[in-house]
C-alpha atoms as a PDB file:
ATOM      1  CA  MET A   1     113.895 -14.705 -97.430  1.00  0.00           C
ATOM      2  CA  LYS A   2     112.663 -16.394 -93.999  1.00  0.00           C
ATOM      3  CA  ASN A   3     114.297 -12.859 -92.317  1.00  0.00           C
ATOM      4  CA  THR A   4     111.934 -10.962 -94.966  1.00  0.00           C
ATOM      5  CA  GLY A   5     108.671 -12.769 -93.970  1.00  0.00           C
ATOM      6  CA  ILE A   6     109.393 -12.491 -90.359  1.00  0.00           C
ATOM      7  CA  MET A   7     109.952  -8.537 -90.939  1.00  0.00           C
ATOM      8  CA  ILE A   8     106.886  -8.384 -93.091  1.00  0.00           C
ATOM      9  CA  THR A   9     104.672 -10.428 -90.596  1.00  0.00           C
ATOM     10  CA  SER A  10     106.017  -8.328 -87.713  1.00  0.00           C
ATOM     11  CA  LEU A  11     105.407  -4.931 -89.747  1.00  0.00           C
ATOM     12  CA  LEU A  12     101.902  -6.393 -90.402  1.00  0.00           C
ATOM     13  CA  PHE A  13     101.341  -7.471 -86.710  1.00  0.00           C
ATOM     14  CA  GLY A  14     102.500  -3.955 -85.622  1.00  0.00           C
ATOM     15  CA  MET A  15     100.451  -1.954 -87.978  1.00  0.00           C
ATOM     16  CA  SER A  16      96.896  -4.101 -86.938  1.00  0.00           C
ATOM     17  CA  LEU A  17      97.939  -3.298 -83.065  1.00  0.00           C
ATOM     18  CA  ASN A  18      98.276   0.651 -83.799  1.00  0.00           C
ATOM     19  CA  ALA A  19      94.797   0.328 -85.800  1.00  0.00           C
ATOM     20  CA  GLN A  20      93.033  -1.069 -83.051  1.00  0.00           C
ATOM     21  CA  MET A  21      93.390   2.084 -80.706  1.00  0.00           C
ATOM     22  CA  GLY A  22      91.482   5.046 -80.647  1.00  0.00           C
ATOM     23  CA  VAL A  23      91.187   8.623 -78.470  1.00  0.00           C
ATOM     24  CA  VAL A  24      88.908  10.333 -76.307  1.00  0.00           C
ATOM     25  CA  GLU A  25      89.067  13.995 -76.053  1.00  0.00           C
ATOM     26  CA  VAL A  26      86.957  15.704 -73.420  1.00  0.00           C
ATOM     27  CA  GLU A  27      86.224  19.297 -72.342  1.00  0.00           C
ATOM     28  CA  ILE A  28      84.618  19.749 -68.974  1.00  0.00           C
ATOM     29  CA  THR A  29      82.727  23.080 -69.013  1.00  0.00           C
ATOM     30  CA  ASP A  30      81.121  24.931 -65.798  1.00  0.00           C
ATOM     31  CA  VAL A  31      84.404  24.065 -63.732  1.00  0.00           C
ATOM     32  CA  VAL A  32      84.226  26.402 -60.778  1.00  0.00           C
ATOM     33  CA  ALA A  33      87.486  28.204 -61.152  1.00  0.00           C
ATOM     34  CA  GLU A  34      87.503  30.358 -58.440  1.00  0.00           C
ATOM     35  CA  TRP A  35      86.728  27.282 -56.091  1.00  0.00           C
ATOM     36  CA  GLY A  36      89.995  26.191 -57.330  1.00  0.00           C
ATOM     37  CA  GLY A  37      91.185  22.531 -56.482  1.00  0.00           C
ATOM     38  CA  SER A  38      91.818  19.724 -59.696  1.00  0.00           C
ATOM     39  CA  VAL A  39      89.477  18.375 -61.965  1.00  0.00           C
ATOM     40  CA  ASN A  40      89.399  14.166 -61.454  1.00  0.00           C
ATOM     41  CA  ILE A  41      88.792  12.281 -64.566  1.00  0.00           C
ATOM     42  CA  GLY A  42      88.467   8.793 -65.065  1.00  0.00           C
ATOM     43  CA  LEU A  43      87.690   6.288 -67.982  1.00  0.00           C
ATOM     44  CA  TYR A  44      85.789   3.331 -67.001  1.00  0.00           C
ATOM     45  CA  GLU A  45      85.018  -0.124 -68.542  1.00  0.00           C
ATOM     46  CA  LYS A  46      81.847  -1.585 -67.312  1.00  0.00           C
ATOM     47  CA  LYS A  47      83.060  -3.656 -64.699  1.00  0.00           C
ATOM     48  CA  GLY A  48      84.971  -0.456 -62.647  1.00  0.00           C
ATOM     49  CA  PHE A  49      82.320   2.176 -63.264  1.00  0.00           C
ATOM     50  CA  PRO A  50      82.276   4.564 -61.435  1.00  0.00           C
ATOM     51  CA  LYS A  51      84.051   3.320 -58.632  1.00  0.00           C
ATOM     52  CA  MET A  52      87.114   5.550 -57.168  1.00  0.00           C
ATOM     53  CA  GLY A  53      90.365   3.815 -58.066  1.00  0.00           C
ATOM     54  CA  ARG A  54      88.384   1.602 -60.566  1.00  0.00           C
ATOM     55  CA  ALA A  55      89.032   3.696 -63.953  1.00  0.00           C
ATOM     56  CA  ILE A  56      91.049   1.896 -66.340  1.00  0.00           C
ATOM     57  CA  VAL A  57      92.939   5.573 -66.990  1.00  0.00           C
ATOM     58  CA  SER A  58      92.456   8.809 -64.616  1.00  0.00           C
ATOM     59  CA  GLU A  59      94.013  12.339 -64.339  1.00  0.00           C
ATOM     60  CA  ASN A  60      94.116  15.249 -62.174  1.00  0.00           C
ATOM     61  CA  LEU A  61      93.603  18.279 -63.804  1.00  0.00           C
ATOM     62  CA  PRO A  62      94.492  21.298 -62.109  1.00  0.00           C
ATOM     63  CA  VAL A  63      91.493  23.942 -62.527  1.00  0.00           C
ATOM     64  CA  ARG A  64      92.950  27.252 -64.266  1.00  0.00           C
ATOM     65  CA  ASP A  65      89.674  28.164 -65.980  1.00  0.00           C
ATOM     66  CA  ILE A  66      85.958  27.282 -66.298  1.00  0.00           C
ATOM     67  CA  LYS A  67      87.005  24.655 -68.547  1.00  0.00           C
ATOM     68  CA  ALA A  68      89.329  21.987 -68.760  1.00  0.00           C
ATOM     69  CA  THR A  69      90.293  19.355 -71.752  1.00  0.00           C
ATOM     70  CA  HIS A  70      91.922  16.225 -71.740  1.00  0.00           C
ATOM     71  CA  LYS A  71      92.576  13.784 -74.192  1.00  0.00           C
ATOM     72  CA  PHE A  72      93.405   9.839 -73.527  1.00  0.00           C
ATOM     73  CA  GLU A  73      95.267   8.261 -76.138  1.00  0.00           C
ATOM     74  CA  ASN A  74      96.046   4.778 -77.507  1.00  0.00           C
ATOM     75  CA  ILE A  75      92.725   3.407 -75.937  1.00  0.00           C
ATOM     76  CA  PRO A  76      91.726  -0.035 -76.900  1.00  0.00           C
ATOM     77  CA  ILE A  77      88.496  -0.113 -79.254  1.00  0.00           C
ATOM     78  CA  GLY A  78      85.504  -1.041 -76.654  1.00  0.00           C
ATOM     79  CA  THR A  79      82.596   0.861 -74.856  1.00  0.00           C
ATOM     80  CA  TYR A  80      83.703   3.444 -71.909  1.00  0.00           C
ATOM     81  CA  ALA A  81      82.148   5.429 -69.763  1.00  0.00           C
ATOM     82  CA  ILE A  82      83.956   9.000 -68.258  1.00  0.00           C
ATOM     83  CA  ALA A  83      83.290   9.994 -64.281  1.00  0.00           C
ATOM     84  CA  VAL A  84      84.294  13.927 -63.245  1.00  0.00           C
ATOM     85  CA  PHE A  85      84.185  15.572 -60.524  1.00  0.00           C
ATOM     86  CA  GLN A  86      85.715  18.868 -59.245  1.00  0.00           C
ATOM     87  CA  ASP A  87      88.005  17.778 -56.095  1.00  0.00           C
ATOM     88  CA  LEU A  88      87.948  21.603 -54.295  1.00  0.00           C
ATOM     89  CA  ASN A  89      89.399  20.101 -50.786  1.00  0.00           C
ATOM     90  CA  GLY A  90      92.191  18.092 -52.383  1.00  0.00           C
ATOM     91  CA  ASP A  91      91.372  14.625 -51.134  1.00  0.00           C
ATOM     92  CA  ASP A  92      90.655  12.768 -54.477  1.00  0.00           C
ATOM     93  CA  LYS A  93      87.394  11.797 -53.709  1.00  0.00           C
ATOM     94  CA  LEU A  94      84.072  13.268 -54.519  1.00  0.00           C
ATOM     95  CA  ASN A  95      82.605  14.393 -51.017  1.00  0.00           C
ATOM     96  CA  ARG A  96      79.167  13.887 -49.992  1.00  0.00           C
ATOM     97  CA  ASP A  97      76.829  14.979 -47.651  1.00  0.00           C
ATOM     98  CA  GLY A  98      75.145  12.755 -44.650  1.00  0.00           C
ATOM     99  CA  TYR A  99      72.351  11.670 -47.537  1.00  0.00           C
ATOM    100  CA  GLY A 100      74.963  10.560 -49.433  1.00  0.00           C
ATOM    101  CA  ARG A 101      74.610  13.609 -52.104  1.00  0.00           C
ATOM    102  CA  PRO A 102      77.773  15.125 -53.589  1.00  0.00           C
ATOM    103  CA  THR A 103      78.787  17.952 -52.173  1.00  0.00           C
ATOM    104  CA  GLU A 104      81.525  18.667 -54.975  1.00  0.00           C
ATOM    105  CA  PRO A 105      80.713  19.315 -58.595  1.00  0.00           C
ATOM    106  CA  TYR A 106      80.534  16.045 -60.491  1.00  0.00           C
ATOM    107  CA  ALA A 107      79.622  14.617 -64.042  1.00  0.00           C
ATOM    108  CA  PHE A 108      79.137  11.798 -66.069  1.00  0.00           C
ATOM    109  CA  SER A 109      79.545  11.171 -70.190  1.00  0.00           C
ATOM    110  CA  ASN A 110      76.695  11.914 -72.511  1.00  0.00           C
ATOM    111  CA  ASN A 111      75.839  14.170 -69.189  1.00  0.00           C
ATOM    112  CA  VAL A 112      73.392  11.773 -67.667  1.00  0.00           C
ATOM    113  CA  PHE A 113      72.860  11.647 -63.867  1.00  0.00           C
ATOM    114  CA  GLY A 114      71.381   8.974 -61.708  1.00  0.00           C
ATOM    115  CA  ARG A 115      68.326   9.934 -59.969  1.00  0.00           C
ATOM    116  CA  PHE A 116      69.480   7.820 -56.442  1.00  0.00           C
ATOM    117  CA  GLY A 117      73.255   7.634 -57.134  1.00  0.00           C
ATOM    118  CA  PRO A 118      75.147   7.639 -60.241  1.00  0.00           C
ATOM    119  CA  PRO A 119      73.879   6.462 -63.653  1.00  0.00           C
ATOM    120  CA  LYS A 120      73.953   3.273 -64.902  1.00  0.00           C
ATOM    121  CA  PHE A 121      76.923   2.147 -67.519  1.00  0.00           C
ATOM    122  CA  GLY A 122      74.669   1.878 -70.391  1.00  0.00           C
ATOM    123  CA  LYS A 123      73.486   5.486 -70.365  1.00  0.00           C
ATOM    124  CA  THR A 124      76.747   7.334 -70.062  1.00  0.00           C
ATOM    125  CA  SER A 125      78.579   4.610 -72.434  1.00  0.00           C
ATOM    126  CA  PHE A 126      80.268   5.207 -76.125  1.00  0.00           C
ATOM    127  CA  SER A 127      82.215   3.679 -78.429  1.00  0.00           C
ATOM    128  CA  VAL A 128      86.125   4.231 -79.433  1.00  0.00           C
ATOM    129  CA  GLU A 129      86.351   2.703 -82.680  1.00  0.00           C
ATOM    130  CA  SER A 130      89.806   2.313 -84.697  1.00  0.00           C
ATOM    131  CA  ASP A 131      91.738   5.168 -85.452  1.00  0.00           C
ATOM    132  CA  ASP A 132      88.792   7.089 -84.616  1.00  0.00           C
ATOM    133  CA  ASN A 133      88.559  10.605 -82.608  1.00  0.00           C
ATOM    134  CA  SER A 134      85.649  10.711 -79.898  1.00  0.00           C
ATOM    135  CA  ARG A 135      84.907  13.802 -78.653  1.00  0.00           C
ATOM    136  CA  LEU A 136      82.953  14.312 -75.673  1.00  0.00           C
ATOM    137  CA  VAL A 137      81.331  18.081 -74.138  1.00  0.00           C
ATOM    138  CA  ILE A 138      80.698  17.345 -70.103  1.00  0.00           C
ATOM    139  CA  HIS A 139      78.858  19.745 -68.060  1.00  0.00           C
ATOM    140  CA  LEU A 140      79.825  19.583 -64.235  1.00  0.00           C
ATOM    141  CA  LYS A 141      76.666  19.824 -62.163  1.00  0.00           C
ATOM    142  CA  GLU A 142      76.436  20.881 -58.675  1.00  0.00           C
ATOM    143  CA  TYR A 143      73.889  19.005 -56.442  1.00  0.00           C
ATOM    144  CA  SER A 144      73.016  22.356 -54.444  1.00  0.00           C
ATOM    145  CA  ASN A 145      74.084  25.807 -55.402  1.00  0.00           C
ATOM    146  CA  ARG A 146      77.104  26.029 -53.655  1.00  0.00           C
ATOM    147  CA  ARG A 147      78.272  29.395 -55.535  1.00  0.00           C
ATOM    148  CA  GLY A 148      76.246  31.093 -53.403  1.00  0.00           C
ATOM    149  CA  GLU A 149      77.810  29.761 -49.917  1.00  0.00           C
ATOM    150  CA  ARG A 150      81.547  30.608 -51.049  1.00  0.00           C
END
């Protein structure tokens, strides 16, 4: 009887842990396929947003098309934001010009951009609920029209 109680408790505890996870599906559009490189995508909590290396989960996706997709699975319920950029030269960082403006295509969740620097976490954030699939479409943006330069 004691073992049955332990098994039931373990089963219920395991089920409650699984119920506290969600999935975030992201579609990134306006990828400049002819430039190649990779799409770097990071999922952030407020504390690390949007600093490189501070994402709770990140991935580099090879550029194959004008769109890229990624699925973050088993994400604990909570509030998150996404930062993404197309790494054109393979150095794993968002390159900038002498004024600090990005020279590679970039974007944030909710398609929000800051005026002088990155947007605030609150503007880019979204909630992950238990047993929920969040689906986001993020459009990459170029600071300058580099398409004519290549």
